[in-house]
């Protein structure tokens, strides 16, 4: 499995898209740091970009990688190797490459900003942690879709629709339901709805850690009221880890039953 991870990582690091991904975050973070000169504002602004871009890149780039590696994967599976070691090694290589690309693009500008302004590295670390968790979740979804759909067009269409649902459509449905049932107690309903969207959970996790009450929104305010900052943070983290486990459980089931 270690050899598969190393090979997958080397193969991914030869892709220009990995470096474009890193350069994009490098330029965006540098521009935000230059304009605001406030590390906290940079973190909050970057959060909105990460919540949209990281799931999209993880899904689409993950699908490209899976479909392009299909023949090599079948060659590995023809050897006396456990299937989950093959897929686990490829998944780990993909996540490491995407995470290194994202984190390096975020961290370097903060190191330069630190020369002029004090930087709370716990905030930067939480921002990187949110990016890592979203990379894990949506890369696992990409592996599930890559195994579920033989046809590339169907796989990419499903991946784009999943991203569109969680990033855009879900919040619209959520607000519509809140407006319809505004005369009823909605606290527990709000908590349950927020658990069903990993992007909302990631936003709540970081904003609870930053303790910015004006930016928490209704969902974050409910977390804060019922659970407090600490237990809200613990619950958000546990649910995000569960979101990683669910698609990977689907990958294990498909990999064990699929006839390659």
C-alpha atoms as a PDB file:
ATOM      1  CA  UNK A   1       0.000   0.000   0.000  1.00  0.00           C
ATOM      2  CA  UNK A   2       2.883   2.383   0.756  1.00  0.00           C
ATOM      3  CA  UNK A   3       4.305   1.770  -2.721  1.00  0.00           C
ATOM      4  CA  UNK A   4       0.921   2.535  -4.277  1.00  0.00           C
ATOM      5  CA  UNK A   5       0.660   5.766  -2.261  1.00  0.00           C
ATOM      6  CA  UNK A   6       4.135   6.868  -3.336  1.00  0.00           C
ATOM      7  CA  UNK A   7       3.507   5.991  -6.979  1.00  0.00           C
ATOM      8  CA  UNK A   8       0.110   7.750  -6.997  1.00  0.00           C
ATOM      9  CA  UNK A   9       1.595  10.831  -5.341  1.00  0.00           C
ATOM     10  CA  UNK A  10       4.478  11.032  -7.826  1.00  0.00           C
ATOM     11  CA  UNK A  11       2.076  10.571 -10.722  1.00  0.00           C
ATOM     12  CA  UNK A  12      -0.252  13.296  -9.442  1.00  0.00           C
ATOM     13  CA  UNK A  13       2.597  15.735  -8.799  1.00  0.00           C
ATOM     14  CA  UNK A  14       3.468  15.515 -12.490  1.00  0.00           C
ATOM     15  CA  UNK A  15       0.086  17.026 -13.328  1.00  0.00           C
ATOM     16  CA  UNK A  16       0.079  20.754 -14.081  1.00  0.00           C
ATOM     17  CA  UNK A  17      -3.403  21.105 -12.574  1.00  0.00           C
ATOM     18  CA  UNK A  18      -2.037  20.398  -9.100  1.00  0.00           C
ATOM     19  CA  UNK A  19       0.325  23.365  -9.440  1.00  0.00           C
ATOM     20  CA  UNK A  20      -2.408  25.587 -10.897  1.00  0.00           C
ATOM     21  CA  UNK A  21      -4.518  24.717  -7.862  1.00  0.00           C
ATOM     22  CA  UNK A  22      -1.710  25.773  -5.524  1.00  0.00           C
ATOM     23  CA  UNK A  23      -0.914  28.943  -7.498  1.00  0.00           C
ATOM     24  CA  UNK A  24      -4.582  29.962  -7.442  1.00  0.00           C
ATOM     25  CA  UNK A  25      -4.703  29.830  -3.637  1.00  0.00           C
ATOM     26  CA  UNK A  26      -1.313  31.536  -3.450  1.00  0.00           C
ATOM     27  CA  UNK A  27      -2.512  34.462  -5.585  1.00  0.00           C
ATOM     28  CA  UNK A  28      -5.918  34.763  -3.901  1.00  0.00           C
ATOM     29  CA  UNK A  29      -4.478  34.638  -0.379  1.00  0.00           C
ATOM     30  CA  UNK A  30      -1.741  37.133  -1.279  1.00  0.00           C
ATOM     31  CA  UNK A  31      -4.294  39.518  -2.804  1.00  0.00           C
ATOM     32  CA  UNK A  32      -6.579  39.309   0.240  1.00  0.00           C
ATOM     33  CA  UNK A  33      -3.630  39.836   2.608  1.00  0.00           C
ATOM     34  CA  UNK A  34      -2.425  42.834   0.595  1.00  0.00           C
ATOM     35  CA  UNK A  35      -5.878  44.462   0.517  1.00  0.00           C
ATOM     36  CA  UNK A  36      -6.994  43.944   4.119  1.00  0.00           C
ATOM     37  CA  UNK A  37      -3.779  43.538   6.150  1.00  0.00           C
ATOM     38  CA  UNK A  38      -5.959  41.820   8.766  1.00  0.00           C
ATOM     39  CA  UNK A  39      -5.278  38.070   9.190  1.00  0.00           C
ATOM     40  CA  UNK A  40      -8.768  37.391  10.596  1.00  0.00           C
ATOM     41  CA  UNK A  41     -10.482  39.023   7.598  1.00  0.00           C
ATOM     42  CA  UNK A  42      -8.241  37.029   5.275  1.00  0.00           C
ATOM     43  CA  UNK A  43      -9.240  33.779   7.019  1.00  0.00           C
ATOM     44  CA  UNK A  44     -12.965  34.570   6.776  1.00  0.00           C
ATOM     45  CA  UNK A  45     -12.695  35.581   3.107  1.00  0.00           C
ATOM     46  CA  UNK A  46     -10.692  32.458   2.284  1.00  0.00           C
ATOM     47  CA  UNK A  47     -13.293  30.310   4.027  1.00  0.00           C
ATOM     48  CA  UNK A  48     -15.947  31.302   1.484  1.00  0.00           C
ATOM     49  CA  UNK A  49     -13.588  30.441  -1.387  1.00  0.00           C
ATOM     50  CA  UNK A  50     -12.545  27.110   0.143  1.00  0.00           C
ATOM     51  CA  UNK A  51     -16.160  26.060   0.768  1.00  0.00           C
ATOM     52  CA  UNK A  52     -16.939  26.444  -2.937  1.00  0.00           C
ATOM     53  CA  UNK A  53     -13.689  25.547  -4.687  1.00  0.00           C
ATOM     54  CA  UNK A  54     -12.256  22.654  -2.667  1.00  0.00           C
ATOM     55  CA  UNK A  55     -15.322  20.360  -3.040  1.00  0.00           C
ATOM     56  CA  UNK A  56     -15.527  21.107  -6.774  1.00  0.00           C
ATOM     57  CA  UNK A  57     -11.826  20.455  -7.434  1.00  0.00           C
ATOM     58  CA  UNK A  58     -11.775  17.345  -5.234  1.00  0.00           C
ATOM     59  CA  UNK A  59     -14.751  15.853  -7.077  1.00  0.00           C
ATOM     60  CA  UNK A  60     -13.748  16.692 -10.643  1.00  0.00           C
ATOM     61  CA  UNK A  61      -9.999  16.148 -10.316  1.00  0.00           C
ATOM     62  CA  UNK A  62     -10.659  12.939  -8.388  1.00  0.00           C
ATOM     63  CA  UNK A  63     -12.904  11.652 -11.167  1.00  0.00           C
ATOM     64  CA  UNK A  64     -10.330  12.562 -13.832  1.00  0.00           C
ATOM     65  CA  UNK A  65      -7.670  10.683 -11.886  1.00  0.00           C
ATOM     66  CA  UNK A  66      -9.838   7.597 -11.327  1.00  0.00           C
ATOM     67  CA  UNK A  67     -10.922   7.281 -14.955  1.00  0.00           C
ATOM     68  CA  UNK A  68      -7.414   7.899 -16.302  1.00  0.00           C
ATOM     69  CA  UNK A  69      -5.958   5.287 -13.922  1.00  0.00           C
ATOM     70  CA  UNK A  70      -8.565   2.621 -14.718  1.00  0.00           C
ATOM     71  CA  UNK A  71      -6.319   0.403 -16.851  1.00  0.00           C
ATOM     72  CA  UNK A  72      -3.475   0.631 -14.334  1.00  0.00           C
ATOM     73  CA  UNK A  73      -5.928  -0.135 -11.518  1.00  0.00           C
ATOM     74  CA  UNK A  74      -7.137  -3.244 -13.343  1.00  0.00           C
ATOM     75  CA  UNK A  75      -3.518  -4.324 -13.792  1.00  0.00           C
ATOM     76  CA  UNK A  76      -2.918  -3.959 -10.046  1.00  0.00           C
ATOM     77  CA  UNK A  77      -6.098  -5.858  -9.231  1.00  0.00           C
ATOM     78  CA  UNK A  78      -4.913  -8.726 -11.417  1.00  0.00           C
ATOM     79  CA  UNK A  79      -2.058  -9.181  -8.942  1.00  0.00           C
ATOM     80  CA  UNK A  80      -2.497 -10.944  -5.583  1.00  0.00           C
ATOM     81  CA  UNK A  81      -3.258  -7.669  -3.793  1.00  0.00           C
ATOM     82  CA  UNK A  82      -6.243  -6.862  -1.555  1.00  0.00           C
ATOM     83  CA  UNK A  83      -8.588  -4.540  -3.386  1.00  0.00           C
ATOM     84  CA  UNK A  84      -8.875  -2.031  -0.558  1.00  0.00           C
ATOM     85  CA  UNK A  85      -5.097  -1.674  -0.382  1.00  0.00           C
ATOM     86  CA  UNK A  86      -5.105  -0.670  -4.045  1.00  0.00           C
ATOM     87  CA  UNK A  87      -7.968   1.805  -3.718  1.00  0.00           C
ATOM     88  CA  UNK A  88      -6.800   2.987  -0.302  1.00  0.00           C
ATOM     89  CA  UNK A  89      -3.328   3.750  -1.657  1.00  0.00           C
ATOM     90  CA  UNK A  90      -4.729   5.659  -4.636  1.00  0.00           C
ATOM     91  CA  UNK A  91      -7.139   7.580  -2.402  1.00  0.00           C
ATOM     92  CA  UNK A  92      -4.376   8.516   0.036  1.00  0.00           C
ATOM     93  CA  UNK A  93      -2.128   9.684  -2.807  1.00  0.00           C
ATOM     94  CA  UNK A  94      -4.928  11.845  -4.242  1.00  0.00           C
ATOM     95  CA  UNK A  95      -5.797  13.426  -0.889  1.00  0.00           C
ATOM     96  CA  UNK A  96      -2.143  14.124  -0.020  1.00  0.00           C
ATOM     97  CA  UNK A  97      -1.501  15.786  -3.398  1.00  0.00           C
ATOM     98  CA  UNK A  98      -4.625  17.986  -3.217  1.00  0.00           C
ATOM     99  CA  UNK A  99      -4.080  18.862   0.447  1.00  0.00           C
ATOM    100  CA  UNK A 100      -0.419  19.796  -0.051  1.00  0.00           C
ATOM    101  CA  UNK A 101      -1.356  21.961  -3.019  1.00  0.00           C
ATOM    102  CA  UNK A 102      -4.100  23.797  -1.120  1.00  0.00           C
ATOM    103  CA  UNK A 103      -2.218  24.190   2.167  1.00  0.00           C
ATOM    104  CA  UNK A 104       0.981  25.441   0.567  1.00  0.00           C
ATOM    105  CA  UNK A 105      -0.967  28.082  -1.375  1.00  0.00           C
ATOM    106  CA  UNK A 106      -2.626  29.275   1.839  1.00  0.00           C
ATOM    107  CA  UNK A 107       0.323  29.101   4.239  1.00  0.00           C
ATOM    108  CA  UNK A 108       3.032  30.949   2.278  1.00  0.00           C
ATOM    109  CA  UNK A 109       1.163  34.315   2.152  1.00  0.00           C
ATOM    110  CA  UNK A 110       0.446  34.101   5.891  1.00  0.00           C
ATOM    111  CA  UNK A 111       4.157  33.588   6.546  1.00  0.00           C
ATOM    112  CA  UNK A 112       4.835  36.807   4.641  1.00  0.00           C
ATOM    113  CA  UNK A 113       1.948  38.626   6.349  1.00  0.00           C
ATOM    114  CA  UNK A 114       3.402  37.608   9.713  1.00  0.00           C
ATOM    115  CA  UNK A 115       6.365  39.915   9.059  1.00  0.00           C
ATOM    116  CA  UNK A 116       4.035  42.928   9.403  1.00  0.00           C
ATOM    117  CA  UNK A 117       1.076  41.738  11.496  1.00  0.00           C
ATOM    118  CA  UNK A 118       0.636  39.101  14.209  1.00  0.00           C
ATOM    119  CA  UNK A 119      -1.015  35.970  12.849  1.00  0.00           C
ATOM    120  CA  UNK A 120      -3.151  33.589  14.920  1.00  0.00           C
ATOM    121  CA  UNK A 121      -1.830  30.302  13.621  1.00  0.00           C
ATOM    122  CA  UNK A 122      -4.651  28.409  15.321  1.00  0.00           C
ATOM    123  CA  UNK A 123      -7.067  30.180  12.959  1.00  0.00           C
ATOM    124  CA  UNK A 124      -4.924  29.375   9.931  1.00  0.00           C
ATOM    125  CA  UNK A 125      -4.634  25.774  11.152  1.00  0.00           C
ATOM    126  CA  UNK A 126      -8.417  25.494  11.499  1.00  0.00           C
ATOM    127  CA  UNK A 127      -8.834  26.895   7.983  1.00  0.00           C
ATOM    128  CA  UNK A 128      -6.400  24.284   6.671  1.00  0.00           C
ATOM    129  CA  UNK A 129      -8.196  21.588   8.667  1.00  0.00           C
ATOM    130  CA  UNK A 130     -11.525  22.530   7.113  1.00  0.00           C
ATOM    131  CA  UNK A 131      -9.930  22.370   3.659  1.00  0.00           C
ATOM    132  CA  UNK A 132      -8.450  18.949   4.456  1.00  0.00           C
ATOM    133  CA  UNK A 133     -11.766  17.535   5.693  1.00  0.00           C
ATOM    134  CA  UNK A 134     -13.605  18.782   2.606  1.00  0.00           C
ATOM    135  CA  UNK A 135     -10.875  17.272   0.420  1.00  0.00           C
ATOM    136  CA  UNK A 136     -11.298  13.913   2.181  1.00  0.00           C
ATOM    137  CA  UNK A 137     -15.098  13.984   1.907  1.00  0.00           C
ATOM    138  CA  UNK A 138     -15.406  14.923  -1.742  1.00  0.00           C
ATOM    139  CA  UNK A 139     -12.427  12.830  -2.871  1.00  0.00           C
ATOM    140  CA  UNK A 140     -14.155   9.826  -1.280  1.00  0.00           C
ATOM    141  CA  UNK A 141     -17.323  10.779  -3.170  1.00  0.00           C
ATOM    142  CA  UNK A 142     -15.275  10.953  -6.373  1.00  0.00           C
ATOM    143  CA  UNK A 143     -13.969   7.415  -5.783  1.00  0.00           C
ATOM    144  CA  UNK A 144     -17.500   6.187  -5.126  1.00  0.00           C
ATOM    145  CA  UNK A 145     -18.811   7.771  -8.345  1.00  0.00           C
ATOM    146  CA  UNK A 146     -15.823   6.502 -10.327  1.00  0.00           C
ATOM    147  CA  UNK A 147     -16.612   2.942  -9.249  1.00  0.00           C
ATOM    148  CA  UNK A 148     -20.356   3.359  -9.580  1.00  0.00           C
ATOM    149  CA  UNK A 149     -20.396   4.699 -13.150  1.00  0.00           C
ATOM    150  CA  UNK A 150     -18.432   3.076 -15.953  1.00  0.00           C
ATOM    151  CA  UNK A 151     -19.418   5.885 -18.307  1.00  0.00           C
ATOM    152  CA  UNK A 152     -17.299   9.005 -17.751  1.00  0.00           C
ATOM    153  CA  UNK A 153     -20.037  11.410 -18.794  1.00  0.00           C
ATOM    154  CA  UNK A 154     -22.437   9.975 -16.218  1.00  0.00           C
ATOM    155  CA  UNK A 155     -19.721  10.078 -13.552  1.00  0.00           C
ATOM    156  CA  UNK A 156     -18.823  13.723 -14.193  1.00  0.00           C
ATOM    157  CA  UNK A 157     -22.486  14.729 -14.444  1.00  0.00           C
ATOM    158  CA  UNK A 158     -23.224  13.055 -11.103  1.00  0.00           C
ATOM    159  CA  UNK A 159     -20.173  14.697  -9.512  1.00  0.00           C
ATOM    160  CA  UNK A 160     -21.131  18.159 -10.742  1.00  0.00           C
ATOM    161  CA  UNK A 161     -24.723  17.712  -9.556  1.00  0.00           C
ATOM    162  CA  UNK A 162     -23.532  16.623  -6.099  1.00  0.00           C
ATOM    163  CA  UNK A 163     -21.355  19.729  -5.847  1.00  0.00           C
ATOM    164  CA  UNK A 164     -24.151  21.982  -7.128  1.00  0.00           C
ATOM    165  CA  UNK A 165     -26.602  20.490  -4.632  1.00  0.00           C
ATOM    166  CA  UNK A 166     -24.415  20.881  -1.555  1.00  0.00           C
ATOM    167  CA  UNK A 167     -22.886  24.248  -2.522  1.00  0.00           C
ATOM    168  CA  UNK A 168     -25.942  26.066  -3.916  1.00  0.00           C
ATOM    169  CA  UNK A 169     -29.274  24.245  -4.047  1.00  0.00           C
ATOM    170  CA  UNK A 170     -29.269  22.898  -0.479  1.00  0.00           C
ATOM    171  CA  UNK A 171     -29.039  26.350   1.100  1.00  0.00           C
ATOM    172  CA  UNK A 172     -31.889  27.575  -1.092  1.00  0.00           C
ATOM    173  CA  UNK A 173     -34.109  24.675  -0.010  1.00  0.00           C
ATOM    174  CA  UNK A 174     -33.069  25.234   3.616  1.00  0.00           C
ATOM    175  CA  UNK A 175     -34.002  28.938   3.555  1.00  0.00           C
ATOM    176  CA  UNK A 176     -37.267  28.169   1.759  1.00  0.00           C
ATOM    177  CA  UNK A 177     -38.279  25.681   4.469  1.00  0.00           C
ATOM    178  CA  UNK A 178     -37.317  28.147   7.220  1.00  0.00           C
ATOM    179  CA  UNK A 179     -39.462  30.831   5.600  1.00  0.00           C
ATOM    180  CA  UNK A 180     -42.474  28.508   5.243  1.00  0.00           C
ATOM    181  CA  UNK A 181     -42.332  27.207   8.834  1.00  0.00           C
ATOM    182  CA  UNK A 182     -41.114  30.395  10.483  1.00  0.00           C
ATOM    183  CA  UNK A 183     -43.981  30.367  13.002  1.00  0.00           C
ATOM    184  CA  UNK A 184     -42.906  26.980  14.380  1.00  0.00           C
ATOM    185  CA  UNK A 185     -39.956  26.062  16.631  1.00  0.00           C
ATOM    186  CA  UNK A 186     -37.202  25.142  14.185  1.00  0.00           C
ATOM    187  CA  UNK A 187     -34.099  24.737  16.339  1.00  0.00           C
ATOM    188  CA  UNK A 188     -33.934  20.938  16.216  1.00  0.00           C
ATOM    189  CA  UNK A 189     -34.942  20.919  12.548  1.00  0.00           C
ATOM    190  CA  UNK A 190     -32.146  23.397  11.799  1.00  0.00           C
ATOM    191  CA  UNK A 191     -29.581  21.219  13.565  1.00  0.00           C
ATOM    192  CA  UNK A 192     -30.743  18.126  11.657  1.00  0.00           C
ATOM    193  CA  UNK A 193     -30.655  19.941   8.304  1.00  0.00           C
ATOM    194  CA  UNK A 194     -27.150  21.279   8.930  1.00  0.00           C
ATOM    195  CA  UNK A 195     -25.887  17.746   9.612  1.00  0.00           C
ATOM    196  CA  UNK A 196     -26.909  16.722   6.091  1.00  0.00           C
ATOM    197  CA  UNK A 197     -24.566  19.164   4.338  1.00  0.00           C
ATOM    198  CA  UNK A 198     -20.785  18.836   4.889  1.00  0.00           C
ATOM    199  CA  UNK A 199     -20.159  22.320   3.461  1.00  0.00           C
ATOM    200  CA  UNK A 200     -22.486  23.938   6.016  1.00  0.00           C
ATOM    201  CA  UNK A 201     -20.885  21.840   8.749  1.00  0.00           C
ATOM    202  CA  UNK A 202     -17.402  23.001   7.725  1.00  0.00           C
ATOM    203  CA  UNK A 203     -18.518  26.643   7.765  1.00  0.00           C
ATOM    204  CA  UNK A 204     -20.072  26.254  11.217  1.00  0.00           C
ATOM    205  CA  UNK A 205     -16.982  24.456  12.538  1.00  0.00           C
ATOM    206  CA  UNK A 206     -14.599  27.269  11.623  1.00  0.00           C
ATOM    207  CA  UNK A 207     -16.886  30.152  12.592  1.00  0.00           C
ATOM    208  CA  UNK A 208     -17.509  28.586  16.015  1.00  0.00           C
ATOM    209  CA  UNK A 209     -13.743  28.362  16.479  1.00  0.00           C
ATOM    210  CA  UNK A 210     -13.270  31.986  15.404  1.00  0.00           C
ATOM    211  CA  UNK A 211     -16.116  33.107  17.724  1.00  0.00           C
ATOM    212  CA  UNK A 212     -17.576  35.596  15.238  1.00  0.00           C
ATOM    213  CA  UNK A 213     -21.197  35.848  16.353  1.00  0.00           C
ATOM    214  CA  UNK A 214     -22.206  38.204  13.541  1.00  0.00           C
ATOM    215  CA  UNK A 215     -21.128  35.676  10.891  1.00  0.00           C
ATOM    216  CA  UNK A 216     -22.435  32.501  12.500  1.00  0.00           C
ATOM    217  CA  UNK A 217     -25.816  32.750  10.828  1.00  0.00           C
ATOM    218  CA  UNK A 218     -28.931  30.954  12.048  1.00  0.00           C
ATOM    219  CA  UNK A 219     -27.403  27.472  11.980  1.00  0.00           C
ATOM    220  CA  UNK A 220     -24.264  28.521  13.838  1.00  0.00           C
ATOM    221  CA  UNK A 221     -26.319  30.473  16.362  1.00  0.00           C
ATOM    222  CA  UNK A 222     -28.364  27.331  17.099  1.00  0.00           C
ATOM    223  CA  UNK A 223     -25.151  25.315  17.556  1.00  0.00           C
ATOM    224  CA  UNK A 224     -23.832  27.983  19.898  1.00  0.00           C
ATOM    225  CA  UNK A 225     -27.075  28.221  21.885  1.00  0.00           C
ATOM    226  CA  UNK A 226     -27.680  24.504  22.375  1.00  0.00           C
ATOM    227  CA  UNK A 227     -24.154  23.129  22.462  1.00  0.00           C
ATOM    228  CA  UNK A 228     -21.829  26.018  23.251  1.00  0.00           C
ATOM    229  CA  UNK A 229     -18.631  26.696  21.385  1.00  0.00           C
ATOM    230  CA  UNK A 230     -16.727  23.630  22.616  1.00  0.00           C
ATOM    231  CA  UNK A 231     -19.429  20.984  22.180  1.00  0.00           C
ATOM    232  CA  UNK A 232     -20.593  22.580  18.947  1.00  0.00           C
ATOM    233  CA  UNK A 233     -17.018  22.293  17.664  1.00  0.00           C
ATOM    234  CA  UNK A 234     -16.755  18.660  18.816  1.00  0.00           C
ATOM    235  CA  UNK A 235     -20.079  17.694  17.225  1.00  0.00           C
ATOM    236  CA  UNK A 236     -19.254  19.463  13.952  1.00  0.00           C
ATOM    237  CA  UNK A 237     -15.875  17.708  13.775  1.00  0.00           C
ATOM    238  CA  UNK A 238     -17.389  14.291  14.521  1.00  0.00           C
ATOM    239  CA  UNK A 239     -20.080  14.736  11.878  1.00  0.00           C
ATOM    240  CA  UNK A 240     -17.520  15.796   9.263  1.00  0.00           C
ATOM    241  CA  UNK A 241     -15.498  12.664  10.024  1.00  0.00           C
ATOM    242  CA  UNK A 242     -18.717  10.666   9.592  1.00  0.00           C
ATOM    243  CA  UNK A 243     -19.165  12.336   6.204  1.00  0.00           C
ATOM    244  CA  UNK A 244     -15.720  10.990   5.261  1.00  0.00           C
ATOM    245  CA  UNK A 245     -16.639   7.495   6.423  1.00  0.00           C
ATOM    246  CA  UNK A 246     -19.985   7.241   4.589  1.00  0.00           C
ATOM    247  CA  UNK A 247     -18.753   7.519   0.969  1.00  0.00           C
ATOM    248  CA  UNK A 248     -15.705   5.406   1.782  1.00  0.00           C
ATOM    249  CA  UNK A 249     -18.017   2.711   3.142  1.00  0.00           C
ATOM    250  CA  UNK A 250     -19.786   2.846  -0.231  1.00  0.00           C
ATOM    251  CA  UNK A 251     -16.395   2.500  -1.961  1.00  0.00           C
ATOM    252  CA  UNK A 252     -15.629  -0.620   0.084  1.00  0.00           C
ATOM    253  CA  UNK A 253     -18.972  -2.213  -0.837  1.00  0.00           C
ATOM    254  CA  UNK A 254     -18.606  -1.447  -4.535  1.00  0.00           C
ATOM    255  CA  UNK A 255     -14.968  -2.533  -4.657  1.00  0.00           C
ATOM    256  CA  UNK A 256     -15.733  -5.865  -2.987  1.00  0.00           C
ATOM    257  CA  UNK A 257     -18.615  -6.671  -5.364  1.00  0.00           C
ATOM    258  CA  UNK A 258     -17.546  -5.085  -8.636  1.00  0.00           C
ATOM    259  CA  UNK A 259     -16.298  -7.349 -11.422  1.00  0.00           C
ATOM    260  CA  UNK A 260     -13.321  -5.534 -12.956  1.00  0.00           C
END
